[in-house]
Amino acid sequence: NQMPKVGSVVETKRGKGQVVYNNLLKKLVQVKFTLNEDNF
């Protein structure tokens, strides 16, 4: 309940990105940043 939903867009120090995974034990969030059409 404290974590962002997987697939949602969040704000980070790097900018906006999409949540792809939540590590509930360590309270870590993996965020995907799209670089261009083919890379992230």
All heavy atoms as atom14 arrays in JSON, in Angstrom:
{
  "sequence": "NQMPKVGSVVETKRGKGQVVYNNLLKKLVQVKFTLNEDNF",
  "atom14_mask": [
    [1, 1, 1, 1, 1, 1, 1, 1, 0, 0, 0, 0, 0, 0],
    [1, 1, 1, 1, 1, 1, 1, 1, 1, 0, 0, 0, 0, 0],
    [1, 1, 1, 1, 1, 1, 1, 1, 0, 0, 0, 0, 0, 0],
    [1, 1, 1, 1, 1, 1, 1, 0, 0, 0, 0, 0, 0, 0],
    [1, 1, 1, 1, 1, 1, 1, 1, 1, 0, 0, 0, 0, 0],
    [1, 1, 1, 1, 1, 1, 1, 0, 0, 0, 0, 0, 0, 0],
    [1, 1, 1, 1, 0, 0, 0, 0, 0, 0, 0, 0, 0, 0],
    [1, 1, 1, 1, 1, 1, 0, 0, 0, 0, 0, 0, 0, 0],
    [1, 1, 1, 1, 1, 1, 1, 0, 0, 0, 0, 0, 0, 0],
    [1, 1, 1, 1, 1, 1, 1, 0, 0, 0, 0, 0, 0, 0],
    [1, 1, 1, 1, 1, 1, 1, 1, 1, 0, 0, 0, 0, 0],
    [1, 1, 1, 1, 1, 1, 1, 0, 0, 0, 0, 0, 0, 0],
    [1, 1, 1, 1, 1, 1, 1, 1, 1, 0, 0, 0, 0, 0],
    [1, 1, 1, 1, 1, 1, 1, 1, 1, 1, 1, 0, 0, 0],
    [1, 1, 1, 1, 0, 0, 0, 0, 0, 0, 0, 0, 0, 0],
    [1, 1, 1, 1, 1, 1, 1, 1, 1, 0, 0, 0, 0, 0],
    [1, 1, 1, 1, 0, 0, 0, 0, 0, 0, 0, 0, 0, 0],
    [1, 1, 1, 1, 1, 1, 1, 1, 1, 0, 0, 0, 0, 0],
    [1, 1, 1, 1, 1, 1, 1, 0, 0, 0, 0, 0, 0, 0],
    [1, 1, 1, 1, 1, 1, 1, 0, 0, 0, 0, 0, 0, 0],
    [1, 1, 1, 1, 1, 1, 1, 1, 1, 1, 1, 1, 0, 0],
    [1, 1, 1, 1, 1, 1, 1, 1, 0, 0, 0, 0, 0, 0],
    [1, 1, 1, 1, 1, 1, 1, 1, 0, 0, 0, 0, 0, 0],
    [1, 1, 1, 1, 1, 1, 1, 1, 0, 0, 0, 0, 0, 0],
    [1, 1, 1, 1, 1, 1, 1, 1, 0, 0, 0, 0, 0, 0],
    [1, 1, 1, 1, 1, 1, 1, 1, 1, 0, 0, 0, 0, 0],
    [1, 1, 1, 1, 1, 1, 1, 1, 1, 0, 0, 0, 0, 0],
    [1, 1, 1, 1, 1, 1, 1, 1, 0, 0, 0, 0, 0, 0],
    [1, 1, 1, 1, 1, 1, 1, 0, 0, 0, 0, 0, 0, 0],
    [1, 1, 1, 1, 1, 1, 1, 1, 1, 0, 0, 0, 0, 0],
    [1, 1, 1, 1, 1, 1, 1, 0, 0, 0, 0, 0, 0, 0],
    [1, 1, 1, 1, 1, 1, 1, 1, 1, 0, 0, 0, 0, 0],
    [1, 1, 1, 1, 1, 1, 1, 1, 1, 1, 1, 0, 0, 0],
    [1, 1, 1, 1, 1, 1, 1, 0, 0, 0, 0, 0, 0, 0],
    [1, 1, 1, 1, 1, 1, 1, 1, 0, 0, 0, 0, 0, 0],
    [1, 1, 1, 1, 1, 1, 1, 1, 0, 0, 0, 0, 0, 0],
    [1, 1, 1, 1, 1, 1, 1, 1, 1, 0, 0, 0, 0, 0],
    [1, 1, 1, 1, 1, 1, 1, 1, 0, 0, 0, 0, 0, 0],
    [1, 1, 1, 1, 1, 1, 1, 1, 0, 0, 0, 0, 0, 0],
    [1, 1, 1, 1, 1, 1, 1, 1, 1, 1, 1, 0, 0, 0]
  ],
  "atom14_positions": [
    [[0.81, -1.22, 0.0], [0.0, 0.0, 0.0], [0.84, 1.27, 0.0], [0.33, 2.36, -0.25], [-0.93, 0.01, 1.22], [-2.13, -0.9, 1.03], [-2.57, -1.13, -0.09], [-2.64, -1.41, 2.12], [0.0, 0.0, 0.0], [0.0, 0.0, 0.0], [0.0, 0.0, 0.0], [0.0, 0.0, 0.0], [0.0, 0.0, 0.0], [0.0, 0.0, 0.0]],
    [[2.13, 1.13, 0.31], [3.02, 2.29, 0.32], [3.75, 2.46, -1.02], [4.35, 3.51, -1.27], [4.08, 2.12, 1.42], [3.51, 1.99, 2.82], [4.58, 1.63, 3.83], [5.77, 1.72, 3.56], [4.15, 1.22, 5.01], [0.0, 0.0, 0.0], [0.0, 0.0, 0.0], [0.0, 0.0, 0.0], [0.0, 0.0, 0.0], [0.0, 0.0, 0.0]],
    [[3.68, 1.43, -1.88], [4.45, 1.43, -3.12], [3.62, 1.95, -4.28], [2.39, 1.83, -4.29], [4.94, 0.01, -3.44], [5.67, -0.69, -2.31], [7.27, 0.03, -1.91], [8.27, -0.58, -3.26], [0.0, 0.0, 0.0], [0.0, 0.0, 0.0], [0.0, 0.0, 0.0], [0.0, 0.0, 0.0], [0.0, 0.0, 0.0], [0.0, 0.0, 0.0]],
    [[4.28, 2.52, -5.31], [3.55, 2.92, -6.52], [3.1, 1.68, -7.29], [3.72, 0.61, -7.18], [4.6, 3.71, -7.31], [5.91, 3.17, -6.84], [5.73, 2.82, -5.4], [0.0, 0.0, 0.0], [0.0, 0.0, 0.0], [0.0, 0.0, 0.0], [0.0, 0.0, 0.0], [0.0, 0.0, 0.0], [0.0, 0.0, 0.0], [0.0, 0.0, 0.0]],
    [[2.06, 1.82, -8.05], [1.53, 0.7, -8.81], [2.43, 0.39, -9.99], [2.92, 1.3, -10.68], [0.12, 1.04, -9.29], [-0.61, -0.11, -9.95], [-2.03, 0.31, -10.29], [-2.8, -0.84, -10.93], [-4.18, -0.44, -11.27], [0.0, 0.0, 0.0], [0.0, 0.0, 0.0], [0.0, 0.0, 0.0], [0.0, 0.0, 0.0], [0.0, 0.0, 0.0]],
    [[2.68, -0.91, -10.22], [3.47, -1.32, -11.38], [2.77, -0.86, -12.66], [1.57, -1.07, -12.83], [3.68, -2.85, -11.4], [4.35, -3.28, -12.71], [4.52, -3.29, -10.21], [0.0, 0.0, 0.0], [0.0, 0.0, 0.0], [0.0, 0.0, 0.0], [0.0, 0.0, 0.0], [0.0, 0.0, 0.0], [0.0, 0.0, 0.0], [0.0, 0.0, 0.0]],
    [[3.51, -0.19, -13.54], [2.95, 0.33, -14.78], [2.61, 1.81, -14.7], [2.36, 2.45, -15.73], [0.0, 0.0, 0.0], [0.0, 0.0, 0.0], [0.0, 0.0, 0.0], [0.0, 0.0, 0.0], [0.0, 0.0, 0.0], [0.0, 0.0, 0.0], [0.0, 0.0, 0.0], [0.0, 0.0, 0.0], [0.0, 0.0, 0.0], [0.0, 0.0, 0.0]],
    [[2.63, 2.37, -13.49], [2.3, 3.79, -13.34], [3.53, 4.65, -13.59], [4.67, 4.19, -13.57], [1.75, 4.04, -11.93], [2.75, 3.78, -10.96], [0.0, 0.0, 0.0], [0.0, 0.0, 0.0], [0.0, 0.0, 0.0], [0.0, 0.0, 0.0], [0.0, 0.0, 0.0], [0.0, 0.0, 0.0], [0.0, 0.0, 0.0], [0.0, 0.0, 0.0]],
    [[3.29, 5.92, -13.81], [4.38, 6.89, -14.05], [4.69, 7.6, -12.74], [3.78, 8.08, -12.05], [3.99, 7.9, -15.14], [5.07, 8.95, -15.31], [3.73, 7.17, -16.46], [0.0, 0.0, 0.0], [0.0, 0.0, 0.0], [0.0, 0.0, 0.0], [0.0, 0.0, 0.0], [0.0, 0.0, 0.0], [0.0, 0.0, 0.0], [0.0, 0.0, 0.0]],
    [[5.98, 7.67, -12.39], [6.4, 8.31, -11.15], [7.46, 9.37, -11.45], [8.08, 9.39, -12.52], [6.95, 7.27, -10.16], [5.87, 6.29, -9.73], [8.14, 6.52, -10.76], [0.0, 0.0, 0.0], [0.0, 0.0, 0.0], [0.0, 0.0, 0.0], [0.0, 0.0, 0.0], [0.0, 0.0, 0.0], [0.0, 0.0, 0.0], [0.0, 0.0, 0.0]],
    [[7.68, 10.23, -10.47], [8.68, 11.28, -10.59], [9.9, 10.89, -9.76], [9.79, 10.53, -8.6], [8.11, 12.6, -10.07], [9.03, 13.8, -10.25], [9.1, 14.27, -11.7], [8.05, 14.29, -12.37], [10.22, 14.61, -12.14], [0.0, 0.0, 0.0], [0.0, 0.0, 0.0], [0.0, 0.0, 0.0], [0.0, 0.0, 0.0], [0.0, 0.0, 0.0]],
    [[11.09, 10.98, -10.38], [12.34, 10.68, -9.68], [13.34, 11.82, -9.91], [13.06, 12.75, -10.68], [12.97, 9.37, -10.21], [13.49, 9.59, -11.53], [11.94, 8.24, -10.25], [0.0, 0.0, 0.0], [0.0, 0.0, 0.0], [0.0, 0.0, 0.0], [0.0, 0.0, 0.0], [0.0, 0.0, 0.0], [0.0, 0.0, 0.0], [0.0, 0.0, 0.0]],
    [[14.5, 11.73, -9.27], [15.53, 12.76, -9.46], [16.06, 12.75, -10.89], [16.66, 13.73, -11.35], [16.67, 12.55, -8.47], [17.35, 11.2, -8.57], [18.36, 11.01, -7.46], [19.01, 9.63, -7.51], [19.95, 9.42, -6.38], [0.0, 0.0, 0.0], [0.0, 0.0, 0.0], [0.0, 0.0, 0.0], [0.0, 0.0, 0.0], [0.0, 0.0, 0.0]],
    [[15.82, 11.67, -11.61], [16.25, 11.59, -13.01], [15.16, 12.07, -13.96], [15.39, 12.29, -15.14], [16.63, 10.14, -13.33], [17.12, 9.93, -14.74], [17.62, 8.54, -14.98], [17.89, 8.3, -16.38], [18.42, 7.2, -16.88], [18.78, 6.22, -16.07], [18.61, 7.06, -18.17], [0.0, 0.0, 0.0], [0.0, 0.0, 0.0], [0.0, 0.0, 0.0]],
    [[13.97, 12.23, -13.45], [12.84, 12.62, -14.29], [11.71, 11.62, -14.15], [11.69, 10.78, -13.23], [0.0, 0.0, 0.0], [0.0, 0.0, 0.0], [0.0, 0.0, 0.0], [0.0, 0.0, 0.0], [0.0, 0.0, 0.0], [0.0, 0.0, 0.0], [0.0, 0.0, 0.0], [0.0, 0.0, 0.0], [0.0, 0.0, 0.0], [0.0, 0.0, 0.0]],
    [[10.78, 11.69, -15.08], [9.63, 10.79, -15.03], [9.97, 9.44, -15.68], [10.7, 9.38, -16.66], [8.43, 11.41, -15.74], [7.83, 12.59, -15.0], [6.55, 13.07, -15.67], [5.91, 14.21, -14.86], [4.66, 14.68, -15.49], [0.0, 0.0, 0.0], [0.0, 0.0, 0.0], [0.0, 0.0, 0.0], [0.0, 0.0, 0.0], [0.0, 0.0, 0.0]],
    [[9.43, 8.38, -15.08], [9.64, 7.05, -15.62], [8.48, 6.14, -15.22], [7.61, 6.51, -14.44], [0.0, 0.0, 0.0], [0.0, 0.0, 0.0], [0.0, 0.0, 0.0], [0.0, 0.0, 0.0], [0.0, 0.0, 0.0], [0.0, 0.0, 0.0], [0.0, 0.0, 0.0], [0.0, 0.0, 0.0], [0.0, 0.0, 0.0], [0.0, 0.0, 0.0]],
    [[8.51, 4.94, -15.77], [7.43, 3.98, -15.54], [7.89, 2.87, -14.59], [8.96, 2.28, -14.77], [6.96, 3.36, -16.86], [5.75, 2.44, -16.72], [5.31, 1.87, -18.06], [6.15, 1.53, -18.89], [4.02, 1.76, -18.28], [0.0, 0.0, 0.0], [0.0, 0.0, 0.0], [0.0, 0.0, 0.0], [0.0, 0.0, 0.0], [0.0, 0.0, 0.0]],
    [[7.1, 2.59, -13.58], [7.43, 1.53, -12.61], [7.3, 0.16, -13.26], [6.27, -0.16, -13.86], [6.49, 1.61, -11.38], [6.8, 0.47, -10.4], [6.61, 2.95, -10.7], [0.0, 0.0, 0.0], [0.0, 0.0, 0.0], [0.0, 0.0, 0.0], [0.0, 0.0, 0.0], [0.0, 0.0, 0.0], [0.0, 0.0, 0.0], [0.0, 0.0, 0.0]],
    [[8.37, -0.65, -13.15], [8.33, -2.0, -13.73], [8.39, -3.09, -12.66], [8.01, -4.24, -12.91], [9.48, -2.2, -14.73], [9.3, -1.31, -15.95], [10.84, -1.94, -14.08], [0.0, 0.0, 0.0], [0.0, 0.0, 0.0], [0.0, 0.0, 0.0], [0.0, 0.0, 0.0], [0.0, 0.0, 0.0], [0.0, 0.0, 0.0], [0.0, 0.0, 0.0]],
    [[8.85, -2.74, -11.44], [8.94, -3.77, -10.39], [9.09, -3.1, -9.03], [9.77, -2.08, -8.89], [10.14, -4.68, -10.65], [10.34, -5.74, -9.57], [9.5, -6.84, -9.47], [11.38, -5.61, -8.65], [9.69, -7.79, -8.49], [11.57, -6.56, -7.65], [10.73, -7.65, -7.59], [10.9, -8.59, -6.6], [0.0, 0.0, 0.0], [0.0, 0.0, 0.0]],
    [[8.44, -3.7, -8.01], [8.58, -3.24, -6.64], [9.22, -4.34, -5.79], [8.74, -5.48, -5.78], [7.21, -2.91, -6.03], [6.63, -1.62, -6.59], [7.34, -0.64, -6.77], [5.33, -1.62, -6.85], [0.0, 0.0, 0.0], [0.0, 0.0, 0.0], [0.0, 0.0, 0.0], [0.0, 0.0, 0.0], [0.0, 0.0, 0.0], [0.0, 0.0, 0.0]],
    [[10.3, -4.02, -5.1], [10.9, -4.95, -4.14], [10.31, -4.63, -2.78], [10.71, -3.67, -2.13], [12.43, -4.78, -4.13], [13.12, -5.81, -3.26], [12.61, -6.2, -2.2], [14.28, -6.26, -3.69], [0.0, 0.0, 0.0], [0.0, 0.0, 0.0], [0.0, 0.0, 0.0], [0.0, 0.0, 0.0], [0.0, 0.0, 0.0], [0.0, 0.0, 0.0]],
    [[9.34, -5.45, -2.36], [8.59, -5.13, -1.15], [9.42, -5.32, 0.12], [9.17, -4.66, 1.13], [7.33, -6.01, -1.08], [6.33, -5.82, -2.23], [5.11, -6.69, -2.02], [5.92, -4.37, -2.37], [0.0, 0.0, 0.0], [0.0, 0.0, 0.0], [0.0, 0.0, 0.0], [0.0, 0.0, 0.0], [0.0, 0.0, 0.0], [0.0, 0.0, 0.0]],
    [[10.37, -6.23, 0.1], [11.18, -6.47, 1.3], [12.14, -5.32, 1.56], [12.32, -4.88, 2.69], [11.95, -7.78, 1.16], [11.11, -9.05, 1.23], [11.99, -10.28, 1.03], [10.39, -9.15, 2.57], [0.0, 0.0, 0.0], [0.0, 0.0, 0.0], [0.0, 0.0, 0.0], [0.0, 0.0, 0.0], [0.0, 0.0, 0.0], [0.0, 0.0, 0.0]],
    [[12.77, -4.81, 0.5], [13.75, -3.73, 0.65], [13.17, -2.35, 0.37], [13.86, -1.35, 0.51], [14.94, -3.99, -0.29], [15.71, -5.25, 0.03], [16.91, -5.41, -0.91], [17.71, -6.64, -0.53], [18.9, -6.82, -1.42], [0.0, 0.0, 0.0], [0.0, 0.0, 0.0], [0.0, 0.0, 0.0], [0.0, 0.0, 0.0], [0.0, 0.0, 0.0]],
    [[11.9, -2.31, -0.02], [11.22, -1.06, -0.37], [12.0, -0.3, -1.45], [12.31, 0.88, -1.31], [11.01, -0.19, 0.88], [10.03, -0.79, 1.88], [9.68, 0.18, 2.99], [8.66, -0.41, 3.94], [8.27, 0.5, 5.03], [0.0, 0.0, 0.0], [0.0, 0.0, 0.0], [0.0, 0.0, 0.0], [0.0, 0.0, 0.0], [0.0, 0.0, 0.0]],
    [[12.28, -1.02, -2.52], [12.96, -0.44, -3.67], [12.03, -0.48, -4.88], [11.21, -1.39, -5.02], [14.24, -1.22, -3.99], [15.33, -1.24, -2.9], [16.47, -2.15, -3.32], [15.83, 0.17, -2.63], [0.0, 0.0, 0.0], [0.0, 0.0, 0.0], [0.0, 0.0, 0.0], [0.0, 0.0, 0.0], [0.0, 0.0, 0.0], [0.0, 0.0, 0.0]],
    [[12.14, 0.54, -5.73], [11.29, 0.65, -6.92], [12.17, 0.69, -8.16], [13.1, 1.5, -8.25], [10.43, 1.94, -6.86], [9.5, 2.01, -8.08], [9.63, 2.0, -5.57], [0.0, 0.0, 0.0], [0.0, 0.0, 0.0], [0.0, 0.0, 0.0], [0.0, 0.0, 0.0], [0.0, 0.0, 0.0], [0.0, 0.0, 0.0], [0.0, 0.0, 0.0]],
    [[11.89, -0.21, -9.11], [12.61, -0.19, -10.38], [11.8, 0.6, -11.4], [10.62, 0.32, -11.61], [12.84, -1.62, -10.89], [13.84, -2.41, -10.05], [14.12, -3.78, -10.63], [13.62, -4.14, -11.7], [14.94, -4.55, -9.93], [0.0, 0.0, 0.0], [0.0, 0.0, 0.0], [0.0, 0.0, 0.0], [0.0, 0.0, 0.0], [0.0, 0.0, 0.0]],
    [[12.46, 1.61, -11.99], [11.79, 2.53, -12.9], [12.45, 2.48, -14.28], [13.68, 2.48, -14.39], [11.84, 3.98, -12.36], [11.1, 4.93, -13.31], [11.23, 4.04, -10.96], [0.0, 0.0, 0.0], [0.0, 0.0, 0.0], [0.0, 0.0, 0.0], [0.0, 0.0, 0.0], [0.0, 0.0, 0.0], [0.0, 0.0, 0.0], [0.0, 0.0, 0.0]],
    [[11.62, 2.4, -15.32], [12.12, 2.35, -16.7], [12.08, 3.75, -17.31], [11.06, 4.44, -17.25], [11.27, 1.39, -17.54], [11.76, 1.27, -18.98], [10.96, 0.23, -19.76], [9.6, 0.75, -20.15], [8.88, -0.16, -21.06], [0.0, 0.0, 0.0], [0.0, 0.0, 0.0], [0.0, 0.0, 0.0], [0.0, 0.0, 0.0], [0.0, 0.0, 0.0]],
    [[13.22, 4.15, -17.9], [13.32, 5.43, -18.6], [13.55, 5.16, -20.08], [14.51, 4.46, -20.45], [14.48, 6.26, -18.04], [14.33, 6.6, -16.58], [14.93, 5.8, -15.61], [13.58, 7.69, -16.19], [14.79, 6.11, -14.28], [13.44, 8.0, -14.85], [14.03, 7.21, -13.88], [0.0, 0.0, 0.0], [0.0, 0.0, 0.0], [0.0, 0.0, 0.0]],
    [[12.67, 5.68, -20.91], [12.8, 5.49, -22.36], [13.78, 6.5, -22.93], [13.61, 7.73, -22.77], [11.42, 5.64, -23.05], [10.52, 4.69, -22.49], [11.56, 5.41, -24.55], [0.0, 0.0, 0.0], [0.0, 0.0, 0.0], [0.0, 0.0, 0.0], [0.0, 0.0, 0.0], [0.0, 0.0, 0.0], [0.0, 0.0, 0.0], [0.0, 0.0, 0.0]],
    [[14.84, 5.99, -23.59], [15.87, 6.86, -24.17], [15.48, 7.29, -25.56], [15.61, 8.45, -25.93], [17.21, 6.13, -24.19], [17.72, 5.64, -22.81], [19.05, 4.92, -22.97], [17.84, 6.8, -21.83], [0.0, 0.0, 0.0], [0.0, 0.0, 0.0], [0.0, 0.0, 0.0], [0.0, 0.0, 0.0], [0.0, 0.0, 0.0], [0.0, 0.0, 0.0]],
    [[15.02, 6.34, -26.35], [14.52, 6.63, -27.7], [13.57, 5.5, -28.08], [13.18, 4.68, -27.22], [15.67, 6.77, -28.72], [16.61, 5.58, -28.7], [16.17, 4.43, -28.8], [17.92, 5.84, -28.57], [0.0, 0.0, 0.0], [0.0, 0.0, 0.0], [0.0, 0.0, 0.0], [0.0, 0.0, 0.0], [0.0, 0.0, 0.0], [0.0, 0.0, 0.0]],
    [[13.23, 5.44, -29.34], [12.22, 4.47, -29.78], [12.64, 3.03, -29.52], [11.79, 2.15, -29.28], [11.96, 4.68, -31.29], [10.71, 3.98, -31.78], [10.39, 4.37, -33.21], [10.25, 5.58, -33.47], [10.3, 3.46, -34.05], [0.0, 0.0, 0.0], [0.0, 0.0, 0.0], [0.0, 0.0, 0.0], [0.0, 0.0, 0.0], [0.0, 0.0, 0.0]],
    [[13.94, 2.74, -29.54], [14.41, 1.36, -29.42], [15.17, 1.07, -28.13], [15.54, -0.08, -27.87], [15.32, 1.01, -30.6], [14.61, 1.14, -31.94], [13.45, 0.69, -32.02], [15.21, 1.71, -32.88], [0.0, 0.0, 0.0], [0.0, 0.0, 0.0], [0.0, 0.0, 0.0], [0.0, 0.0, 0.0], [0.0, 0.0, 0.0], [0.0, 0.0, 0.0]],
    [[15.46, 2.06, -27.33], [16.3, 1.85, -26.16], [15.68, 2.41, -24.88], [14.96, 3.42, -24.92], [17.68, 2.52, -26.36], [18.44, 1.92, -27.53], [18.86, 0.78, -27.48], [18.6, 2.71, -28.6], [0.0, 0.0, 0.0], [0.0, 0.0, 0.0], [0.0, 0.0, 0.0], [0.0, 0.0, 0.0], [0.0, 0.0, 0.0], [0.0, 0.0, 0.0]],
    [[15.95, 1.73, -23.79], [15.49, 2.21, -22.49], [16.48, 1.75, -21.42], [17.3, 0.84, -21.63], [14.07, 1.69, -22.18], [13.99, 0.2, -22.05], [14.25, -0.45, -20.83], [13.65, -0.59, -23.15], [14.17, -1.82, -20.72], [13.57, -1.97, -23.04], [13.84, -2.58, -21.83], [0.0, 0.0, 0.0], [0.0, 0.0, 0.0], [0.0, 0.0, 0.0]]
  ]
}
